[in-house]
């Protein structure tokens, strides 16, 4: 009996995810670019901590970044169709809305 590797369906790619792969949580991304590459640093920002800790850096071609943008857009559309629209705060950044220190009460300083 011959043992051939399983062939993915036409147009599909077989993807191996290692069993020991550790997921990383990120609630902040910093995006920069050069002429040939897009760099995305994924970080964790904690409330009341003024420093973001970068956990992962992904570097890709601008072409692949555009494909990622399209895939994310398609998935967000499906997500919102299933779970409802996600409303983002207007004006300041989302990080400011989530992680700004609470206002202090001037009376409590006396």
PDB file of N, CA and C in Angstrom:
ATOM      1  N   UNK A   1       0.843  -1.175   0.000  1.00  0.00           N
ATOM      2  CA  UNK A   1       0.000   0.000   0.000  1.00  0.00           C
ATOM      3  C   UNK A   1       0.887   1.236   0.000  1.00  0.00           C
ATOM      4  N   UNK A   2       0.661   2.127  -0.938  1.00  0.00           N
ATOM      5  CA  UNK A   2       1.497   3.313  -1.086  1.00  0.00           C
ATOM      6  C   UNK A   2       0.974   4.439  -0.208  1.00  0.00           C
ATOM      7  N   UNK A   3       1.894   5.195   0.373  1.00  0.00           N
ATOM      8  CA  UNK A   3       1.509   6.308   1.244  1.00  0.00           C
ATOM      9  C   UNK A   3       1.848   7.616   0.544  1.00  0.00           C
ATOM     10  N   UNK A   4       0.853   8.234  -0.075  1.00  0.00           N
ATOM     11  CA  UNK A   4       1.051   9.511  -0.763  1.00  0.00           C
ATOM     12  C   UNK A   4       0.543  10.633   0.126  1.00  0.00           C
ATOM     13  N   UNK A   5       1.218  11.796   0.109  1.00  0.00           N
ATOM     14  CA  UNK A   5       0.699  12.927   0.879  1.00  0.00           C
ATOM     15  C   UNK A   5      -0.671  13.330   0.338  1.00  0.00           C
ATOM     16  N   UNK A   6      -1.528  13.749   1.256  1.00  0.00           N
ATOM     17  CA  UNK A   6      -2.872  14.172   0.868  1.00  0.00           C
ATOM     18  C   UNK A   6      -2.790  15.437   0.027  1.00  0.00           C
ATOM     19  N   UNK A   7      -3.456  15.433  -1.104  1.00  0.00           N
ATOM     20  CA  UNK A   7      -3.467  16.585  -1.999  1.00  0.00           C
ATOM     21  C   UNK A   7      -4.664  17.468  -1.660  1.00  0.00           C
ATOM     22  N   UNK A   8      -4.448  18.773  -1.492  1.00  0.00           N
ATOM     23  CA  UNK A   8      -5.577  19.664  -1.222  1.00  0.00           C
ATOM     24  C   UNK A   8      -6.476  19.784  -2.441  1.00  0.00           C
ATOM     25  N   UNK A   9      -7.722  20.175  -2.214  1.00  0.00           N
ATOM     26  CA  UNK A   9      -8.664  20.393  -3.314  1.00  0.00           C
ATOM     27  C   UNK A   9      -8.116  21.480  -4.231  1.00  0.00           C
ATOM     28  N   UNK A  10      -8.561  21.474  -5.462  1.00  0.00           N
ATOM     29  CA  UNK A  10      -8.093  22.456  -6.451  1.00  0.00           C
ATOM     30  C   UNK A  10      -8.267  23.870  -5.910  1.00  0.00           C
ATOM     31  N   UNK A  11      -7.205  24.672  -6.002  1.00  0.00           N
ATOM     32  CA  UNK A  11      -7.270  26.060  -5.554  1.00  0.00           C
ATOM     33  C   UNK A  11      -7.073  26.232  -4.056  1.00  0.00           C
ATOM     34  N   UNK A  12      -6.944  25.153  -3.330  1.00  0.00           N
ATOM     35  CA  UNK A  12      -6.755  25.229  -1.875  1.00  0.00           C
ATOM     36  C   UNK A  12      -5.336  24.837  -1.519  1.00  0.00           C
ATOM     37  N   UNK A  13      -4.874  25.318  -0.366  1.00  0.00           N
ATOM     38  CA  UNK A  13      -3.528  24.997   0.103  1.00  0.00           C
ATOM     39  C   UNK A  13      -3.660  24.250   1.423  1.00  0.00           C
ATOM     40  N   UNK A  14      -2.851  23.241   1.598  1.00  0.00           N
ATOM     41  CA  UNK A  14      -2.811  22.529   2.862  1.00  0.00           C
ATOM     42  C   UNK A  14      -1.963  23.358   3.828  1.00  0.00           C
ATOM     43  N   UNK A  15      -2.472  23.617   5.014  1.00  0.00           N
ATOM     44  CA  UNK A  15      -1.763  24.429   6.008  1.00  0.00           C
ATOM     45  C   UNK A  15      -1.530  23.585   7.252  1.00  0.00           C
ATOM     46  N   UNK A  16      -0.287  23.544   7.703  1.00  0.00           N
ATOM     47  CA  UNK A  16       0.056  22.814   8.920  1.00  0.00           C
ATOM     48  C   UNK A  16       0.178  23.816  10.069  1.00  0.00           C
ATOM     49  N   UNK A  17      -0.592  23.599  11.124  1.00  0.00           N
ATOM     50  CA  UNK A  17      -0.487  24.429  12.328  1.00  0.00           C
ATOM     51  C   UNK A  17       0.132  23.550  13.412  1.00  0.00           C
ATOM     52  N   UNK A  18       1.337  23.891  13.869  1.00  0.00           N
ATOM     53  CA  UNK A  18       1.991  23.062  14.882  1.00  0.00           C
ATOM     54  C   UNK A  18       1.148  22.958  16.150  1.00  0.00           C
ATOM     55  N   UNK A  19       1.145  21.785  16.757  1.00  0.00           N
ATOM     56  CA  UNK A  19       0.355  21.559  17.972  1.00  0.00           C
ATOM     57  C   UNK A  19       0.812  22.456  19.118  1.00  0.00           C
ATOM     58  N   UNK A  20       2.094  22.831  19.140  1.00  0.00           N
ATOM     59  CA  UNK A  20       2.617  23.641  20.239  1.00  0.00           C
ATOM     60  C   UNK A  20       2.628  25.140  19.921  1.00  0.00           C
ATOM     61  N   UNK A  21       1.934  25.553  18.866  1.00  0.00           N
ATOM     62  CA  UNK A  21       1.881  26.975  18.508  1.00  0.00           C
ATOM     63  C   UNK A  21       1.151  27.754  19.591  1.00  0.00           C
ATOM     64  N   UNK A  22       1.800  28.773  20.119  1.00  0.00           N
ATOM     65  CA  UNK A  22       1.205  29.583  21.183  1.00  0.00           C
ATOM     66  C   UNK A  22       0.499  30.784  20.574  1.00  0.00           C
ATOM     67  N   UNK A  23      -0.794  30.957  20.839  1.00  0.00           N
ATOM     68  CA  UNK A  23      -1.480  32.146  20.320  1.00  0.00           C
ATOM     69  C   UNK A  23      -0.998  33.393  21.051  1.00  0.00           C
ATOM     70  N   UNK A  24      -1.078  34.514  20.372  1.00  0.00           N
ATOM     71  CA  UNK A  24      -0.686  35.788  20.958  1.00  0.00           C
ATOM     72  C   UNK A  24      -1.876  36.724  20.897  1.00  0.00           C
ATOM     73  N   UNK A  25      -2.217  37.343  22.016  1.00  0.00           N
ATOM     74  CA  UNK A  25      -3.296  38.324  22.060  1.00  0.00           C
ATOM     75  C   UNK A  25      -2.713  39.699  21.747  1.00  0.00           C
ATOM     76  N   UNK A  26      -3.366  40.434  20.860  1.00  0.00           N
ATOM     77  CA  UNK A  26      -2.945  41.801  20.549  1.00  0.00           C
ATOM     78  C   UNK A  26      -4.183  42.694  20.506  1.00  0.00           C
ATOM     79  N   UNK A  27      -4.083  43.852  21.132  1.00  0.00           N
ATOM     80  CA  UNK A  27      -5.172  44.828  21.071  1.00  0.00           C
ATOM     81  C   UNK A  27      -4.674  46.167  20.530  1.00  0.00           C
ATOM     82  N   UNK A  28      -3.515  46.131  19.905  1.00  0.00           N
ATOM     83  CA  UNK A  28      -2.911  47.325  19.338  1.00  0.00           C
ATOM     84  C   UNK A  28      -2.011  46.896  18.189  1.00  0.00           C
ATOM     85  N   UNK A  29      -2.040  47.639  17.103  1.00  0.00           N
ATOM     86  CA  UNK A  29      -1.147  47.354  15.979  1.00  0.00           C
ATOM     87  C   UNK A  29      -0.556  48.665  15.491  1.00  0.00           C
ATOM     88  N   UNK A  30       0.722  48.636  15.193  1.00  0.00           N
ATOM     89  CA  UNK A  30       1.407  49.789  14.639  1.00  0.00           C
ATOM     90  C   UNK A  30       1.871  49.382  13.240  1.00  0.00           C
ATOM     91  N   UNK A  31       1.481  50.152  12.242  1.00  0.00           N
ATOM     92  CA  UNK A  31       1.760  49.789  10.866  1.00  0.00           C
ATOM     93  C   UNK A  31       2.682  50.822  10.239  1.00  0.00           C
ATOM     94  N   UNK A  32       3.762  50.343   9.636  1.00  0.00           N
ATOM     95  CA  UNK A  32       4.695  51.204   8.912  1.00  0.00           C
ATOM     96  C   UNK A  32       4.981  50.549   7.566  1.00  0.00           C
ATOM     97  N   UNK A  33       5.663  51.275   6.705  1.00  0.00           N
ATOM     98  CA  UNK A  33       5.957  50.699   5.399  1.00  0.00           C
ATOM     99  C   UNK A  33       7.215  51.317   4.798  1.00  0.00           C
ATOM    100  N   UNK A  34       7.777  50.553   3.876  1.00  0.00           N
ATOM    101  CA  UNK A  34       8.826  51.046   2.996  1.00  0.00           C
ATOM    102  C   UNK A  34       8.271  50.928   1.586  1.00  0.00           C
ATOM    103  N   UNK A  35       9.069  51.203   0.603  1.00  0.00           N
ATOM    104  CA  UNK A  35       8.581  51.097  -0.776  1.00  0.00           C
ATOM    105  C   UNK A  35       8.160  49.675  -1.119  1.00  0.00           C
ATOM    106  N   UNK A  36       8.816  48.694  -0.534  1.00  0.00           N
ATOM    107  CA  UNK A  36       8.563  47.308  -0.927  1.00  0.00           C
ATOM    108  C   UNK A  36       7.853  46.452   0.113  1.00  0.00           C
ATOM    109  N   UNK A  37       7.714  46.948   1.350  1.00  0.00           N
ATOM    110  CA  UNK A  37       7.158  46.100   2.406  1.00  0.00           C
ATOM    111  C   UNK A  37       6.224  46.868   3.336  1.00  0.00           C
ATOM    112  N   UNK A  38       5.297  46.132   3.914  1.00  0.00           N
ATOM    113  CA  UNK A  38       4.422  46.632   4.972  1.00  0.00           C
ATOM    114  C   UNK A  38       4.842  45.903   6.245  1.00  0.00           C
ATOM    115  N   UNK A  39       5.021  46.636   7.326  1.00  0.00           N
ATOM    116  CA  UNK A  39       5.427  46.049   8.601  1.00  0.00           C
ATOM    117  C   UNK A  39       4.313  46.305   9.607  1.00  0.00           C
ATOM    118  N   UNK A  40       3.839  45.221  10.235  1.00  0.00           N
ATOM    119  CA  UNK A  40       2.797  45.335  11.251  1.00  0.00           C
ATOM    120  C   UNK A  40       3.350  44.790  12.555  1.00  0.00           C
ATOM    121  N   UNK A  41       3.434  45.651  13.564  1.00  0.00           N
ATOM    122  CA  UNK A  41       3.834  45.235  14.910  1.00  0.00           C
ATOM    123  C   UNK A  41       2.563  45.075  15.733  1.00  0.00           C
ATOM    124  N   UNK A  42       2.366  43.874  16.267  1.00  0.00           N
ATOM    125  CA  UNK A  42       1.207  43.588  17.112  1.00  0.00           C
ATOM    126  C   UNK A  42       1.640  43.683  18.566  1.00  0.00           C
ATOM    127  N   UNK A  43       0.855  44.410  19.359  1.00  0.00           N
ATOM    128  CA  UNK A  43       1.249  44.659  20.747  1.00  0.00           C
ATOM    129  C   UNK A  43       0.075  44.480  21.692  1.00  0.00           C
ATOM    130  N   UNK A  44       0.424  44.434  22.962  1.00  0.00           N
ATOM    131  CA  UNK A  44      -0.564  44.412  24.031  1.00  0.00           C
ATOM    132  C   UNK A  44      -0.465  45.725  24.787  1.00  0.00           C
ATOM    133  N   UNK A  45      -1.605  46.374  24.944  1.00  0.00           N
ATOM    134  CA  UNK A  45      -1.677  47.608  25.720  1.00  0.00           C
ATOM    135  C   UNK A  45      -2.570  47.322  26.917  1.00  0.00           C
ATOM    136  N   UNK A  46      -2.077  47.643  28.094  1.00  0.00           N
ATOM    137  CA  UNK A  46      -2.856  47.418  29.310  1.00  0.00           C
ATOM    138  C   UNK A  46      -3.359  48.746  29.854  1.00  0.00           C
ATOM    139  N   UNK A  47      -4.549  48.745  30.447  1.00  0.00           N
ATOM    140  CA  UNK A  47      -5.064  49.983  31.045  1.00  0.00           C
ATOM    141  C   UNK A  47      -4.094  50.526  32.092  1.00  0.00           C
ATOM    142  N   UNK A  48      -3.944  51.828  32.110  1.00  0.00           N
ATOM    143  CA  UNK A  48      -3.108  52.542  33.080  1.00  0.00           C
ATOM    144  C   UNK A  48      -1.616  52.293  32.899  1.00  0.00           C
ATOM    145  N   UNK A  49      -1.203  51.592  31.836  1.00  0.00           N
ATOM    146  CA  UNK A  49       0.220  51.355  31.568  1.00  0.00           C
ATOM    147  C   UNK A  49       0.556  52.085  30.278  1.00  0.00           C
ATOM    148  N   UNK A  50       1.422  53.111  30.348  1.00  0.00           N
ATOM    149  CA  UNK A  50       1.674  53.955  29.169  1.00  0.00           C
ATOM    150  C   UNK A  50       2.657  53.367  28.164  1.00  0.00           C
ATOM    151  N   UNK A  51       2.836  52.055  28.173  1.00  0.00           N
ATOM    152  CA  UNK A  51       3.814  51.444  27.285  1.00  0.00           C
ATOM    153  C   UNK A  51       3.197  50.201  26.645  1.00  0.00           C
ATOM    154  N   UNK A  52       3.291  50.112  25.322  1.00  0.00           N
ATOM    155  CA  UNK A  52       2.808  48.934  24.610  1.00  0.00           C
ATOM    156  C   UNK A  52       3.952  47.927  24.487  1.00  0.00           C
ATOM    157  N   UNK A  53       3.651  46.653  24.654  1.00  0.00           N
ATOM    158  CA  UNK A  53       4.660  45.602  24.539  1.00  0.00           C
ATOM    159  C   UNK A  53       4.433  44.858  23.232  1.00  0.00           C
ATOM    160  N   UNK A  54       5.330  45.058  22.254  1.00  0.00           N
ATOM    161  CA  UNK A  54       5.202  44.379  20.961  1.00  0.00           C
ATOM    162  C   UNK A  54       5.481  42.899  21.158  1.00  0.00           C
ATOM    163  N   UNK A  55       4.546  42.070  20.683  1.00  0.00           N
ATOM    164  CA  UNK A  55       4.661  40.622  20.815  1.00  0.00           C
ATOM    165  C   UNK A  55       5.048  39.943  19.506  1.00  0.00           C
ATOM    166  N   UNK A  56       4.616  40.515  18.376  1.00  0.00           N
ATOM    167  CA  UNK A  56       4.900  39.907  17.080  1.00  0.00           C
ATOM    168  C   UNK A  56       5.103  40.996  16.044  1.00  0.00           C
ATOM    169  N   UNK A  57       5.963  40.713  15.077  1.00  0.00           N
ATOM    170  CA  UNK A  57       6.164  41.601  13.931  1.00  0.00           C
ATOM    171  C   UNK A  57       5.933  40.775  12.674  1.00  0.00           C
ATOM    172  N   UNK A  58       5.061  41.271  11.809  1.00  0.00           N
ATOM    173  CA  UNK A  58       4.782  40.609  10.542  1.00  0.00           C
ATOM    174  C   UNK A  58       5.223  41.543   9.431  1.00  0.00           C
ATOM    175  N   UNK A  59       6.048  41.039   8.537  1.00  0.00           N
ATOM    176  CA  UNK A  59       6.540  41.814   7.395  1.00  0.00           C
ATOM    177  C   UNK A  59       6.031  41.119   6.141  1.00  0.00           C
ATOM    178  N   UNK A  60       5.378  41.886   5.269  1.00  0.00           N
ATOM    179  CA  UNK A  60       4.863  41.298   4.033  1.00  0.00           C
ATOM    180  C   UNK A  60       4.988  42.285   2.899  1.00  0.00           C
ATOM    181  N   UNK A  61       4.890  41.761   1.685  1.00  0.00           N
ATOM    182  CA  UNK A  61       4.913  42.648   0.530  1.00  0.00           C
ATOM    183  C   UNK A  61       3.637  43.481   0.522  1.00  0.00           C
ATOM    184  N   UNK A  62       3.684  44.605  -0.170  1.00  0.00           N
ATOM    185  CA  UNK A  62       2.484  45.446  -0.286  1.00  0.00           C
ATOM    186  C   UNK A  62       1.367  44.671  -0.982  1.00  0.00           C
ATOM    187  N   UNK A  63       1.713  43.853  -1.947  1.00  0.00           N
ATOM    188  CA  UNK A  63       0.723  43.033  -2.647  1.00  0.00           C
ATOM    189  C   UNK A  63       0.008  42.096  -1.667  1.00  0.00           C
ATOM    190  N   UNK A  64       0.780  41.387  -0.830  1.00  0.00           N
ATOM    191  CA  UNK A  64       0.171  40.477   0.145  1.00  0.00           C
ATOM    192  C   UNK A  64      -0.592  41.233   1.220  1.00  0.00           C
ATOM    193  N   UNK A  65      -0.138  42.426   1.589  1.00  0.00           N
ATOM    194  CA  UNK A  65      -0.874  43.231   2.561  1.00  0.00           C
ATOM    195  C   UNK A  65      -2.235  43.629   2.000  1.00  0.00           C
ATOM    196  N   UNK A  66      -2.293  43.947   0.713  1.00  0.00           N
ATOM    197  CA  UNK A  66      -3.563  44.298   0.073  1.00  0.00           C
ATOM    198  C   UNK A  66      -4.497  43.086   0.057  1.00  0.00           C
ATOM    199  N   UNK A  67      -3.955  41.897  -0.191  1.00  0.00           N
ATOM    200  CA  UNK A  67      -4.764  40.684  -0.133  1.00  0.00           C
ATOM    201  C   UNK A  67      -5.268  40.427   1.286  1.00  0.00           C
ATOM    202  N   UNK A  68      -4.416  40.683   2.293  1.00  0.00           N
ATOM    203  CA  UNK A  68      -4.829  40.541   3.686  1.00  0.00           C
ATOM    204  C   UNK A  68      -5.953  41.526   4.011  1.00  0.00           C
ATOM    205  N   UNK A  69      -5.809  42.767   3.551  1.00  0.00           N
ATOM    206  CA  UNK A  69      -6.842  43.781   3.770  1.00  0.00           C
ATOM    207  C   UNK A  69      -8.178  43.314   3.194  1.00  0.00           C
ATOM    208  N   UNK A  70      -8.144  42.765   1.989  1.00  0.00           N
ATOM    209  CA  UNK A  70      -9.378  42.279   1.361  1.00  0.00           C
ATOM    210  C   UNK A  70      -9.970  41.117   2.163  1.00  0.00           C
ATOM    211  N   UNK A  71      -9.130  40.178   2.593  1.00  0.00           N
ATOM    212  CA  UNK A  71      -9.619  39.035   3.366  1.00  0.00           C
ATOM    213  C   UNK A  71     -10.211  39.486   4.697  1.00  0.00           C
ATOM    214  N   UNK A  72      -9.542  40.423   5.386  1.00  0.00           N
ATOM    215  CA  UNK A  72     -10.073  40.939   6.653  1.00  0.00           C
ATOM    216  C   UNK A  72     -11.408  41.638   6.440  1.00  0.00           C
ATOM    217  N   UNK A  73     -11.520  42.411   5.381  1.00  0.00           N
ATOM    218  CA  UNK A  73     -12.764  43.107   5.076  1.00  0.00           C
ATOM    219  C   UNK A  73     -13.901  42.116   4.847  1.00  0.00           C
ATOM    220  N   UNK A  74     -13.620  41.066   4.077  1.00  0.00           N
ATOM    221  CA  UNK A  74     -14.640  40.044   3.822  1.00  0.00           C
ATOM    222  C   UNK A  74     -15.060  39.346   5.111  1.00  0.00           C
ATOM    223  N   UNK A  75     -14.091  39.020   5.961  1.00  0.00           N
ATOM    224  CA  UNK A  75     -14.412  38.337   7.218  1.00  0.00           C
ATOM    225  C   UNK A  75     -15.158  39.257   8.181  1.00  0.00           C
ATOM    226  N   UNK A  76     -14.796  40.545   8.222  1.00  0.00           N
ATOM    227  CA  UNK A  76     -15.518  41.478   9.095  1.00  0.00           C
ATOM    228  C   UNK A  76     -16.968  41.627   8.625  1.00  0.00           C
ATOM    229  N   UNK A  77     -17.180  41.647   7.324  1.00  0.00           N
ATOM    230  CA  UNK A  77     -18.546  41.731   6.794  1.00  0.00           C
ATOM    231  C   UNK A  77     -19.360  40.518   7.226  1.00  0.00           C
ATOM    232  N   UNK A  78     -18.769  39.346   7.132  1.00  0.00           N
ATOM    233  CA  UNK A  78     -19.471  38.118   7.565  1.00  0.00           C
ATOM    234  C   UNK A  78     -19.721  38.134   9.067  1.00  0.00           C
ATOM    235  N   UNK A  79     -18.721  38.577   9.835  1.00  0.00           N
ATOM    236  CA  UNK A  79     -18.851  38.643  11.288  1.00  0.00           C
ATOM    237  C   UNK A  79     -20.014  39.567  11.671  1.00  0.00           C
ATOM    238  N   UNK A  80     -20.036  40.776  11.069  1.00  0.00           N
ATOM    239  CA  UNK A  80     -21.088  41.739  11.400  1.00  0.00           C
ATOM    240  C   UNK A  80     -22.455  41.265  10.931  1.00  0.00           C
ATOM    241  N   UNK A  81     -22.522  40.532   9.827  1.00  0.00           N
ATOM    242  CA  UNK A  81     -23.799  39.978   9.375  1.00  0.00           C
ATOM    243  C   UNK A  81     -24.332  38.977  10.395  1.00  0.00           C
ATOM    244  N   UNK A  82     -23.436  38.263  11.043  1.00  0.00           N
ATOM    245  CA  UNK A  82     -23.842  37.251  12.015  1.00  0.00           C
ATOM    246  C   UNK A  82     -24.052  37.829  13.416  1.00  0.00           C
ATOM    247  N   UNK A  83     -23.207  38.787  13.823  1.00  0.00           N
ATOM    248  CA  UNK A  83     -23.208  39.254  15.212  1.00  0.00           C
ATOM    249  C   UNK A  83     -23.626  40.710  15.387  1.00  0.00           C
ATOM    250  N   UNK A  84     -23.858  41.425  14.315  1.00  0.00           N
ATOM    251  CA  UNK A  84     -24.227  42.830  14.403  1.00  0.00           C
ATOM    252  C   UNK A  84     -23.050  43.744  14.134  1.00  0.00           C
ATOM    253  N   UNK A  85     -23.378  44.964  13.733  1.00  0.00           N
ATOM    254  CA  UNK A  85     -22.343  45.934  13.366  1.00  0.00           C
ATOM    255  C   UNK A  85     -21.516  46.341  14.576  1.00  0.00           C
ATOM    256  N   UNK A  86     -20.226  46.505  14.355  1.00  0.00           N
ATOM    257  CA  UNK A  86     -19.312  46.986  15.388  1.00  0.00           C
ATOM    258  C   UNK A  86     -19.208  48.490  15.224  1.00  0.00           C
ATOM    259  N   UNK A  87     -19.551  49.230  16.274  1.00  0.00           N
ATOM    260  CA  UNK A  87     -19.499  50.688  16.231  1.00  0.00           C
ATOM    261  C   UNK A  87     -18.228  51.152  16.927  1.00  0.00           C
ATOM    262  N   UNK A  88     -17.427  51.934  16.225  1.00  0.00           N
ATOM    263  CA  UNK A  88     -16.192  52.471  16.778  1.00  0.00           C
ATOM    264  C   UNK A  88     -16.416  53.893  17.262  1.00  0.00           C
ATOM    265  N   UNK A  89     -15.745  54.295  18.331  1.00  0.00           N
ATOM    266  CA  UNK A  89     -15.879  55.673  18.795  1.00  0.00           C
ATOM    267  C   UNK A  89     -15.312  56.640  17.763  1.00  0.00           C
ATOM    268  N   UNK A  90     -15.909  57.806  17.671  1.00  0.00           N
ATOM    269  CA  UNK A  90     -15.425  58.807  16.718  1.00  0.00           C
ATOM    270  C   UNK A  90     -14.495  59.778  17.419  1.00  0.00           C
ATOM    271  N   UNK A  91     -13.645  60.422  16.651  1.00  0.00           N
ATOM    272  CA  UNK A  91     -12.752  61.444  17.202  1.00  0.00           C
ATOM    273  C   UNK A  91     -11.425  60.852  17.613  1.00  0.00           C
ATOM    274  N   UNK A  92     -11.249  60.617  18.904  1.00  0.00           N
ATOM    275  CA  UNK A  92      -9.963  60.122  19.394  1.00  0.00           C
ATOM    276  C   UNK A  92      -9.775  58.667  18.986  1.00  0.00           C
ATOM    277  N   UNK A  93      -8.579  58.175  19.177  1.00  0.00           N
ATOM    278  CA  UNK A  93      -8.283  56.795  18.792  1.00  0.00           C
ATOM    279  C   UNK A  93      -8.966  55.811  19.736  1.00  0.00           C
ATOM    280  N   UNK A  94      -9.145  54.599  19.254  1.00  0.00           N
ATOM    281  CA  UNK A  94      -9.746  53.555  20.069  1.00  0.00           C
ATOM    282  C   UNK A  94      -8.890  53.297  21.311  1.00  0.00           C
ATOM    283  N   UNK A  95      -7.570  53.341  21.161  1.00  0.00           N
ATOM    284  CA  UNK A  95      -6.686  53.136  22.309  1.00  0.00           C
ATOM    285  C   UNK A  95      -6.934  54.212  23.370  1.00  0.00           C
ATOM    286  N   UNK A  96      -7.139  55.470  22.939  1.00  0.00           N
ATOM    287  CA  UNK A  96      -7.445  56.535  23.897  1.00  0.00           C
ATOM    288  C   UNK A  96      -8.748  56.251  24.624  1.00  0.00           C
ATOM    289  N   UNK A  97      -9.752  55.787  23.883  1.00  0.00           N
ATOM    290  CA  UNK A  97     -11.051  55.496  24.490  1.00  0.00           C
ATOM    291  C   UNK A  97     -10.950  54.366  25.514  1.00  0.00           C
ATOM    292  N   UNK A  98     -10.162  53.350  25.199  1.00  0.00           N
ATOM    293  CA  UNK A  98     -10.094  52.176  26.061  1.00  0.00           C
ATOM    294  C   UNK A  98      -9.111  52.316  27.218  1.00  0.00           C
ATOM    295  N   UNK A  99      -8.016  53.059  27.004  1.00  0.00           N
ATOM    296  CA  UNK A  99      -6.937  52.994  27.976  1.00  0.00           C
ATOM    297  C   UNK A  99      -6.546  54.320  28.598  1.00  0.00           C
ATOM    298  N   UNK A 100      -7.354  55.335  28.401  1.00  0.00           N
ATOM    299  CA  UNK A 100      -7.070  56.624  29.016  1.00  0.00           C
ATOM    300  C   UNK A 100      -7.333  56.517  30.520  1.00  0.00           C
ATOM    301  N   UNK A 101      -6.488  57.129  31.354  1.00  0.00           N
ATOM    302  CA  UNK A 101      -6.752  57.096  32.798  1.00  0.00           C
ATOM    303  C   UNK A 101      -8.079  57.788  33.097  1.00  0.00           C
ATOM    304  N   UNK A 102      -8.800  57.310  34.093  1.00  0.00           N
ATOM    305  CA  UNK A 102     -10.069  57.957  34.428  1.00  0.00           C
ATOM    306  C   UNK A 102      -9.820  59.384  34.904  1.00  0.00           C
ATOM    307  N   UNK A 103     -10.779  60.287  34.656  1.00  0.00           N
ATOM    308  CA  UNK A 103     -10.598  61.670  35.120  1.00  0.00           C
ATOM    309  C   UNK A 103     -10.552  61.690  36.641  1.00  0.00           C
ATOM    310  N   UNK A 104      -9.719  62.598  37.169  1.00  0.00           N
ATOM    311  CA  UNK A 104      -9.626  62.713  38.611  1.00  0.00           C
ATOM    312  C   UNK A 104     -10.639  63.726  39.110  1.00  0.00           C
ATOM    313  N   UNK A 105     -11.110  63.506  40.306  1.00  0.00           N
ATOM    314  CA  UNK A 105     -12.061  64.408  40.938  1.00  0.00           C
ATOM    315  C   UNK A 105     -11.250  65.461  41.701  1.00  0.00           C
ATOM    316  N   UNK A 106     -11.361  66.764  41.296  1.00  0.00           N
ATOM    317  CA  UNK A 106     -10.555  67.786  41.993  1.00  0.00           C
ATOM    318  C   UNK A 106     -10.849  67.865  43.490  1.00  0.00           C
ATOM    319  N   UNK A 107     -12.038  67.497  43.892  1.00  0.00           N
ATOM    320  CA  UNK A 107     -12.380  67.529  45.323  1.00  0.00           C
ATOM    321  C   UNK A 107     -11.619  66.476  46.113  1.00  0.00           C
ATOM    322  N   UNK A 108     -11.264  65.358  45.451  1.00  0.00           N
ATOM    323  CA  UNK A 108     -10.581  64.289  46.168  1.00  0.00           C
ATOM    324  C   UNK A 108      -9.108  64.617  46.400  1.00  0.00           C
ATOM    325  N   UNK A 109      -8.583  65.649  45.727  1.00  0.00           N
ATOM    326  CA  UNK A 109      -7.182  66.033  45.899  1.00  0.00           C
ATOM    327  C   UNK A 109      -6.969  66.903  47.130  1.00  0.00           C
ATOM    328  N   UNK A 110      -8.037  67.335  47.757  1.00  0.00           N
ATOM    329  CA  UNK A 110      -7.893  68.235  48.911  1.00  0.00           C
ATOM    330  C   UNK A 110      -7.605  67.491  50.175  1.00  0.00           C
TER     331      UNK A 110
END
